[in-house]
């Protein structure tokens, strides 16, 4: 698994023992380079039309690859950024649960997982703020 991270154009984070890659970026250029590296040929918008952040989901080498992107964060208050990233973290966790066919994850494992996913993105975006 380290090969994917070593050559990546974006930052990837651990999300537990799941067959999932979870990445985050604020750079559209790095996002497009990463899609090319992953062999994703179709056009993918950096963020969905009318949105400020998007969780993208791709199948790659029998694993789920999730990349969260955010735009406009430099003009936002910290609380708005954090709220937006927690929102996306919930989508990430929901997709992971669907991918591993987990229909009823426990409340505590869900809370810790969403916290971990959120903190990874918050730490990363605040470095560049």
N, C-alpha and C. Protein backbone atom coordinates (compact mmCIF):
# COMPACT_ATOMS: atom_id res chain seq x y z
N UNK A 1 0.81 -1.20 0.00
CA UNK A 1 0.00 0.00 0.00
C UNK A 1 0.85 1.26 0.00
N UNK A 2 2.05 1.20 0.49
CA UNK A 2 2.86 2.41 0.59
C UNK A 2 3.21 2.99 -0.78
N UNK A 3 3.22 2.18 -1.82
CA UNK A 3 3.55 2.69 -3.16
C UNK A 3 2.57 3.77 -3.60
N UNK A 4 1.28 3.58 -3.33
CA UNK A 4 0.30 4.58 -3.72
C UNK A 4 0.59 5.91 -3.04
N UNK A 5 0.87 5.87 -1.76
CA UNK A 5 1.13 7.10 -1.02
C UNK A 5 2.45 7.74 -1.42
N UNK A 6 3.47 6.93 -1.66
CA UNK A 6 4.79 7.46 -1.95
C UNK A 6 4.83 8.30 -3.22
N UNK A 7 4.01 7.97 -4.19
CA UNK A 7 4.03 8.67 -5.48
C UNK A 7 2.87 9.64 -5.63
N UNK A 8 2.10 9.83 -4.61
CA UNK A 8 0.87 10.63 -4.68
C UNK A 8 1.17 12.11 -4.84
N UNK A 9 0.24 12.79 -5.50
CA UNK A 9 0.29 14.24 -5.64
C UNK A 9 -0.50 14.93 -4.54
N UNK A 10 -1.25 14.15 -3.76
CA UNK A 10 -2.04 14.69 -2.67
C UNK A 10 -1.69 13.95 -1.38
N UNK A 11 -2.18 14.44 -0.27
CA UNK A 11 -1.92 13.81 1.03
C UNK A 11 -2.96 12.74 1.30
N UNK A 12 -2.51 11.54 1.68
CA UNK A 12 -3.39 10.44 2.07
C UNK A 12 -3.27 10.21 3.57
N UNK A 13 -4.37 9.74 4.18
CA UNK A 13 -4.44 9.53 5.62
C UNK A 13 -4.94 8.12 5.91
N UNK A 14 -4.59 7.63 7.09
CA UNK A 14 -5.09 6.34 7.57
C UNK A 14 -6.52 6.52 8.09
N UNK A 15 -7.37 5.56 7.78
CA UNK A 15 -8.74 5.61 8.29
C UNK A 15 -9.14 4.30 8.95
N UNK A 16 -8.17 3.54 9.36
CA UNK A 16 -8.46 2.28 10.03
C UNK A 16 -8.13 1.10 9.14
N UNK A 17 -8.63 -0.06 9.51
CA UNK A 17 -8.26 -1.30 8.82
C UNK A 17 -9.12 -1.58 7.58
N UNK A 18 -9.52 -0.55 6.89
CA UNK A 18 -10.44 -0.72 5.76
C UNK A 18 -9.66 -0.69 4.45
N UNK A 19 -10.18 -1.38 3.42
CA UNK A 19 -9.52 -1.38 2.10
C UNK A 19 -9.82 -0.08 1.35
N UNK A 20 -9.37 1.02 1.94
CA UNK A 20 -9.74 2.36 1.48
C UNK A 20 -8.52 3.27 1.51
N UNK A 21 -8.41 4.09 0.48
CA UNK A 21 -7.45 5.19 0.47
C UNK A 21 -8.25 6.47 0.66
N UNK A 22 -7.84 7.30 1.59
CA UNK A 22 -8.53 8.56 1.85
C UNK A 22 -7.55 9.71 1.70
N UNK A 23 -7.81 10.56 0.71
CA UNK A 23 -6.94 11.69 0.44
C UNK A 23 -7.68 13.01 0.54
N UNK A 24 -6.90 14.08 0.64
CA UNK A 24 -7.46 15.42 0.79
C UNK A 24 -6.55 16.41 0.08
N UNK A 25 -7.18 17.38 -0.59
CA UNK A 25 -6.39 18.43 -1.22
C UNK A 25 -7.19 19.72 -1.35
N UNK A 26 -6.46 20.82 -1.33
CA UNK A 26 -7.03 22.14 -1.61
C UNK A 26 -6.55 22.64 -2.96
N UNK A 27 -5.78 21.83 -3.67
CA UNK A 27 -5.18 22.23 -4.95
C UNK A 27 -5.83 21.51 -6.12
N UNK A 28 -6.46 22.26 -7.00
CA UNK A 28 -7.07 21.66 -8.18
C UNK A 28 -6.02 21.04 -9.09
N UNK A 29 -4.87 21.66 -9.20
CA UNK A 29 -3.79 21.12 -10.04
C UNK A 29 -3.33 19.76 -9.51
N UNK A 30 -3.10 19.67 -8.20
CA UNK A 30 -2.69 18.40 -7.60
C UNK A 30 -3.78 17.34 -7.74
N UNK A 31 -5.03 17.75 -7.61
CA UNK A 31 -6.15 16.83 -7.77
C UNK A 31 -6.16 16.23 -9.17
N UNK A 32 -6.02 17.07 -10.18
CA UNK A 32 -6.03 16.59 -11.57
C UNK A 32 -4.83 15.68 -11.84
N UNK A 33 -3.66 16.03 -11.29
CA UNK A 33 -2.48 15.17 -11.44
C UNK A 33 -2.70 13.82 -10.78
N UNK A 34 -3.34 13.82 -9.62
CA UNK A 34 -3.60 12.57 -8.91
C UNK A 34 -4.59 11.69 -9.69
N UNK A 35 -5.62 12.30 -10.27
CA UNK A 35 -6.56 11.54 -11.08
C UNK A 35 -5.85 10.89 -12.27
N UNK A 36 -4.98 11.64 -12.89
CA UNK A 36 -4.21 11.10 -14.02
C UNK A 36 -3.35 9.93 -13.56
N UNK A 37 -2.68 10.10 -12.43
CA UNK A 37 -1.83 9.03 -11.89
C UNK A 37 -2.63 7.78 -11.58
N UNK A 38 -3.87 7.97 -11.13
CA UNK A 38 -4.73 6.84 -10.81
C UNK A 38 -5.38 6.22 -12.05
N UNK A 39 -5.18 6.84 -13.20
CA UNK A 39 -5.74 6.29 -14.43
C UNK A 39 -7.21 6.63 -14.63
N UNK A 40 -7.67 7.69 -14.01
CA UNK A 40 -9.06 8.14 -14.17
C UNK A 40 -9.08 9.12 -15.33
N UNK A 41 -9.64 8.65 -16.45
CA UNK A 41 -9.57 9.41 -17.70
C UNK A 41 -10.69 10.42 -17.89
N UNK A 42 -11.85 10.17 -17.29
CA UNK A 42 -12.96 11.11 -17.50
C UNK A 42 -12.72 12.39 -16.72
N UNK A 43 -13.34 13.46 -17.19
CA UNK A 43 -13.22 14.75 -16.51
C UNK A 43 -13.97 14.69 -15.18
N UNK A 44 -13.34 15.15 -14.12
CA UNK A 44 -13.95 15.22 -12.80
C UNK A 44 -13.74 16.63 -12.29
N UNK A 45 -14.84 17.30 -11.97
CA UNK A 45 -14.74 18.66 -11.43
C UNK A 45 -14.07 18.62 -10.06
N UNK A 46 -13.26 19.63 -9.78
CA UNK A 46 -12.57 19.73 -8.50
C UNK A 46 -13.57 19.71 -7.35
N UNK A 47 -14.58 20.54 -7.43
CA UNK A 47 -15.72 20.49 -6.52
C UNK A 47 -16.98 20.46 -7.38
N UNK A 48 -18.01 19.84 -6.88
CA UNK A 48 -19.27 19.76 -7.63
C UNK A 48 -19.83 21.15 -7.83
N UNK A 49 -20.52 21.34 -8.93
CA UNK A 49 -21.10 22.63 -9.30
C UNK A 49 -21.93 23.20 -8.15
N UNK A 50 -21.63 24.43 -7.77
CA UNK A 50 -22.37 25.11 -6.71
C UNK A 50 -21.98 24.72 -5.30
N UNK A 51 -20.95 23.88 -5.16
CA UNK A 51 -20.53 23.41 -3.83
C UNK A 51 -19.19 24.01 -3.46
N UNK A 52 -18.86 23.95 -2.18
CA UNK A 52 -17.58 24.44 -1.68
C UNK A 52 -16.61 23.32 -1.36
N UNK A 53 -17.13 22.11 -1.25
CA UNK A 53 -16.30 20.94 -1.00
C UNK A 53 -17.01 19.73 -1.59
N UNK A 54 -16.22 18.71 -1.92
CA UNK A 54 -16.78 17.50 -2.52
C UNK A 54 -15.97 16.30 -2.07
N UNK A 55 -16.66 15.22 -1.76
CA UNK A 55 -16.01 13.94 -1.51
C UNK A 55 -16.17 13.12 -2.78
N UNK A 56 -15.05 12.80 -3.41
CA UNK A 56 -15.04 12.01 -4.65
C UNK A 56 -14.74 10.56 -4.31
N UNK A 57 -15.42 9.64 -4.98
CA UNK A 57 -15.25 8.21 -4.72
C UNK A 57 -14.90 7.50 -6.01
N UNK A 58 -13.79 6.76 -6.00
CA UNK A 58 -13.32 6.03 -7.17
C UNK A 58 -12.90 4.62 -6.77
N UNK A 59 -13.15 3.65 -7.63
CA UNK A 59 -12.61 2.31 -7.44
C UNK A 59 -11.24 2.30 -8.13
N UNK A 60 -10.23 1.78 -7.43
CA UNK A 60 -8.88 1.70 -8.00
C UNK A 60 -8.18 0.49 -7.42
N UNK A 61 -7.82 -0.45 -8.27
CA UNK A 61 -7.10 -1.65 -7.84
C UNK A 61 -7.81 -2.35 -6.68
N UNK A 62 -9.10 -2.61 -6.86
CA UNK A 62 -9.91 -3.33 -5.87
C UNK A 62 -9.97 -2.64 -4.52
N UNK A 63 -9.79 -1.35 -4.50
CA UNK A 63 -9.94 -0.57 -3.28
C UNK A 63 -10.73 0.68 -3.58
N UNK A 64 -11.36 1.20 -2.55
CA UNK A 64 -12.06 2.46 -2.66
C UNK A 64 -11.06 3.59 -2.46
N UNK A 65 -11.05 4.54 -3.38
CA UNK A 65 -10.19 5.70 -3.27
C UNK A 65 -11.10 6.90 -3.08
N UNK A 66 -10.93 7.60 -1.98
CA UNK A 66 -11.74 8.76 -1.65
C UNK A 66 -10.83 9.98 -1.63
N UNK A 67 -11.24 11.00 -2.35
CA UNK A 67 -10.48 12.26 -2.32
C UNK A 67 -11.46 13.38 -2.01
N UNK A 68 -11.21 14.09 -0.93
CA UNK A 68 -12.02 15.24 -0.57
C UNK A 68 -11.30 16.50 -1.04
N UNK A 69 -12.08 17.37 -1.67
CA UNK A 69 -11.54 18.63 -2.18
C UNK A 69 -12.34 19.79 -1.59
N UNK A 70 -11.66 20.91 -1.39
CA UNK A 70 -12.31 22.10 -0.84
C UNK A 70 -11.77 23.32 -1.57
N UNK A 71 -12.64 24.29 -1.76
CA UNK A 71 -12.25 25.54 -2.41
C UNK A 71 -12.80 26.71 -1.60
N UNK A 72 -12.20 27.88 -1.78
CA UNK A 72 -12.69 29.08 -1.12
C UNK A 72 -12.41 29.14 0.37
N UNK A 73 -11.60 28.22 0.87
CA UNK A 73 -11.37 28.15 2.31
C UNK A 73 -10.58 29.33 2.86
N UNK A 74 -9.78 29.97 2.03
CA UNK A 74 -8.97 31.09 2.52
C UNK A 74 -9.82 32.32 2.84
N UNK A 75 -11.05 32.34 2.32
CA UNK A 75 -11.94 33.47 2.57
C UNK A 75 -12.95 33.18 3.68
N UNK A 76 -12.86 32.02 4.29
CA UNK A 76 -13.85 31.60 5.28
C UNK A 76 -13.32 31.69 6.70
N UNK A 77 -14.25 31.79 7.63
CA UNK A 77 -13.90 31.71 9.04
C UNK A 77 -13.53 30.26 9.36
N UNK A 78 -12.70 30.09 10.37
CA UNK A 78 -12.27 28.74 10.77
C UNK A 78 -13.47 27.85 11.08
N UNK A 79 -14.46 28.39 11.75
CA UNK A 79 -15.63 27.58 12.11
C UNK A 79 -16.38 27.10 10.87
N UNK A 80 -16.42 27.91 9.83
CA UNK A 80 -17.07 27.48 8.57
C UNK A 80 -16.29 26.36 7.91
N UNK A 81 -14.98 26.49 7.90
CA UNK A 81 -14.13 25.46 7.31
C UNK A 81 -14.29 24.14 8.07
N UNK A 82 -14.24 24.22 9.37
CA UNK A 82 -14.36 23.02 10.20
C UNK A 82 -15.72 22.35 9.97
N UNK A 83 -16.77 23.14 9.96
CA UNK A 83 -18.10 22.59 9.71
C UNK A 83 -18.19 21.91 8.36
N UNK A 84 -17.63 22.51 7.35
CA UNK A 84 -17.63 21.94 6.01
C UNK A 84 -16.86 20.63 5.96
N UNK A 85 -15.71 20.58 6.62
CA UNK A 85 -14.91 19.37 6.61
C UNK A 85 -15.55 18.25 7.43
N UNK A 86 -16.20 18.58 8.52
CA UNK A 86 -16.93 17.56 9.28
C UNK A 86 -18.07 17.01 8.42
N UNK A 87 -18.76 17.87 7.71
CA UNK A 87 -19.81 17.46 6.78
C UNK A 87 -19.27 16.44 5.78
N UNK A 88 -18.13 16.75 5.16
CA UNK A 88 -17.53 15.83 4.19
C UNK A 88 -17.04 14.55 4.86
N UNK A 89 -16.54 14.66 6.09
CA UNK A 89 -16.07 13.47 6.81
C UNK A 89 -17.22 12.48 7.02
N UNK A 90 -18.39 12.99 7.27
CA UNK A 90 -19.55 12.10 7.43
C UNK A 90 -19.84 11.37 6.12
N UNK A 91 -19.76 12.08 5.00
CA UNK A 91 -19.94 11.41 3.70
C UNK A 91 -18.87 10.34 3.48
N UNK A 92 -17.64 10.65 3.86
CA UNK A 92 -16.54 9.68 3.72
C UNK A 92 -16.86 8.44 4.55
N UNK A 93 -17.23 8.63 5.80
CA UNK A 93 -17.53 7.49 6.67
C UNK A 93 -18.71 6.67 6.14
N UNK A 94 -19.75 7.35 5.66
CA UNK A 94 -20.91 6.65 5.10
C UNK A 94 -20.49 5.79 3.90
N UNK A 95 -19.64 6.32 3.06
CA UNK A 95 -19.19 5.58 1.88
C UNK A 95 -18.33 4.38 2.28
N UNK A 96 -17.47 4.57 3.27
CA UNK A 96 -16.66 3.45 3.76
C UNK A 96 -17.57 2.34 4.27
N UNK A 97 -18.56 2.70 5.06
CA UNK A 97 -19.49 1.70 5.58
C UNK A 97 -20.22 0.98 4.45
N UNK A 98 -20.68 1.70 3.45
CA UNK A 98 -21.33 1.06 2.30
C UNK A 98 -20.36 0.12 1.60
N UNK A 99 -19.13 0.56 1.42
CA UNK A 99 -18.13 -0.21 0.69
C UNK A 99 -17.80 -1.53 1.37
N UNK A 100 -17.78 -1.53 2.69
CA UNK A 100 -17.46 -2.76 3.42
C UNK A 100 -18.72 -3.51 3.87
N UNK A 101 -19.87 -3.07 3.36
CA UNK A 101 -21.16 -3.69 3.67
C UNK A 101 -21.49 -3.67 5.16
N UNK A 102 -21.10 -2.60 5.82
CA UNK A 102 -21.43 -2.41 7.23
C UNK A 102 -22.73 -1.59 7.29
N UNK A 103 -23.80 -2.24 7.70
CA UNK A 103 -25.10 -1.57 7.69
C UNK A 103 -25.46 -0.93 9.04
N UNK A 104 -24.78 -1.33 10.09
CA UNK A 104 -25.12 -0.80 11.40
C UNK A 104 -23.87 -0.62 12.27
N UNK A 105 -22.99 0.32 11.87
CA UNK A 105 -21.79 0.52 12.70
C UNK A 105 -22.19 1.09 14.06
N UNK A 106 -21.44 0.74 15.06
CA UNK A 106 -21.74 1.26 16.40
C UNK A 106 -21.55 2.77 16.48
N UNK A 107 -22.26 3.38 17.39
CA UNK A 107 -22.18 4.83 17.56
C UNK A 107 -20.78 5.30 17.88
N UNK A 108 -20.09 4.57 18.76
CA UNK A 108 -18.76 5.00 19.20
C UNK A 108 -17.73 4.85 18.08
N UNK A 109 -17.77 3.73 17.34
CA UNK A 109 -16.82 3.56 16.22
C UNK A 109 -17.10 4.61 15.15
N UNK A 110 -18.37 4.94 14.92
CA UNK A 110 -18.70 5.99 13.94
C UNK A 110 -18.17 7.34 14.40
N UNK A 111 -18.37 7.66 15.65
CA UNK A 111 -17.91 8.95 16.17
C UNK A 111 -16.40 9.07 16.10
N UNK A 112 -15.68 8.02 16.52
CA UNK A 112 -14.21 8.07 16.45
C UNK A 112 -13.72 8.13 15.00
N UNK A 113 -14.37 7.41 14.12
CA UNK A 113 -13.95 7.41 12.71
C UNK A 113 -14.17 8.78 12.08
N UNK A 114 -15.32 9.37 12.32
CA UNK A 114 -15.61 10.71 11.78
C UNK A 114 -14.66 11.73 12.39
N UNK A 115 -14.35 11.59 13.68
CA UNK A 115 -13.39 12.49 14.32
C UNK A 115 -12.02 12.38 13.65
N UNK A 116 -11.56 11.16 13.43
CA UNK A 116 -10.25 10.92 12.80
C UNK A 116 -10.21 11.51 11.38
N UNK A 117 -11.23 11.26 10.61
CA UNK A 117 -11.29 11.75 9.24
C UNK A 117 -11.32 13.28 9.25
N UNK A 118 -12.16 13.85 10.10
CA UNK A 118 -12.27 15.31 10.20
C UNK A 118 -10.95 15.95 10.61
N UNK A 119 -10.34 15.42 11.66
CA UNK A 119 -9.09 16.00 12.15
C UNK A 119 -7.99 15.95 11.10
N UNK A 120 -7.93 14.88 10.33
CA UNK A 120 -6.92 14.79 9.27
C UNK A 120 -7.05 15.95 8.30
N UNK A 121 -8.28 16.22 7.88
CA UNK A 121 -8.49 17.30 6.91
C UNK A 121 -8.32 18.67 7.56
N UNK A 122 -8.82 18.83 8.76
CA UNK A 122 -8.71 20.12 9.45
C UNK A 122 -7.26 20.49 9.66
N UNK A 123 -6.46 19.54 10.14
CA UNK A 123 -5.03 19.80 10.34
C UNK A 123 -4.37 20.22 9.03
N UNK A 124 -4.71 19.54 7.97
CA UNK A 124 -4.09 19.81 6.66
C UNK A 124 -4.48 21.19 6.13
N UNK A 125 -5.75 21.53 6.18
CA UNK A 125 -6.18 22.81 5.64
C UNK A 125 -5.71 23.98 6.50
N UNK A 126 -5.59 23.78 7.79
CA UNK A 126 -5.14 24.85 8.66
C UNK A 126 -3.64 25.12 8.52
N UNK A 127 -2.88 24.15 8.04
CA UNK A 127 -1.45 24.37 7.77
C UNK A 127 -1.27 25.46 6.73
N UNK A 128 -2.12 25.46 5.74
CA UNK A 128 -1.99 26.42 4.64
C UNK A 128 -2.79 27.68 4.81
N UNK A 129 -3.50 27.83 5.91
CA UNK A 129 -4.37 29.00 6.12
C UNK A 129 -3.58 30.18 6.63
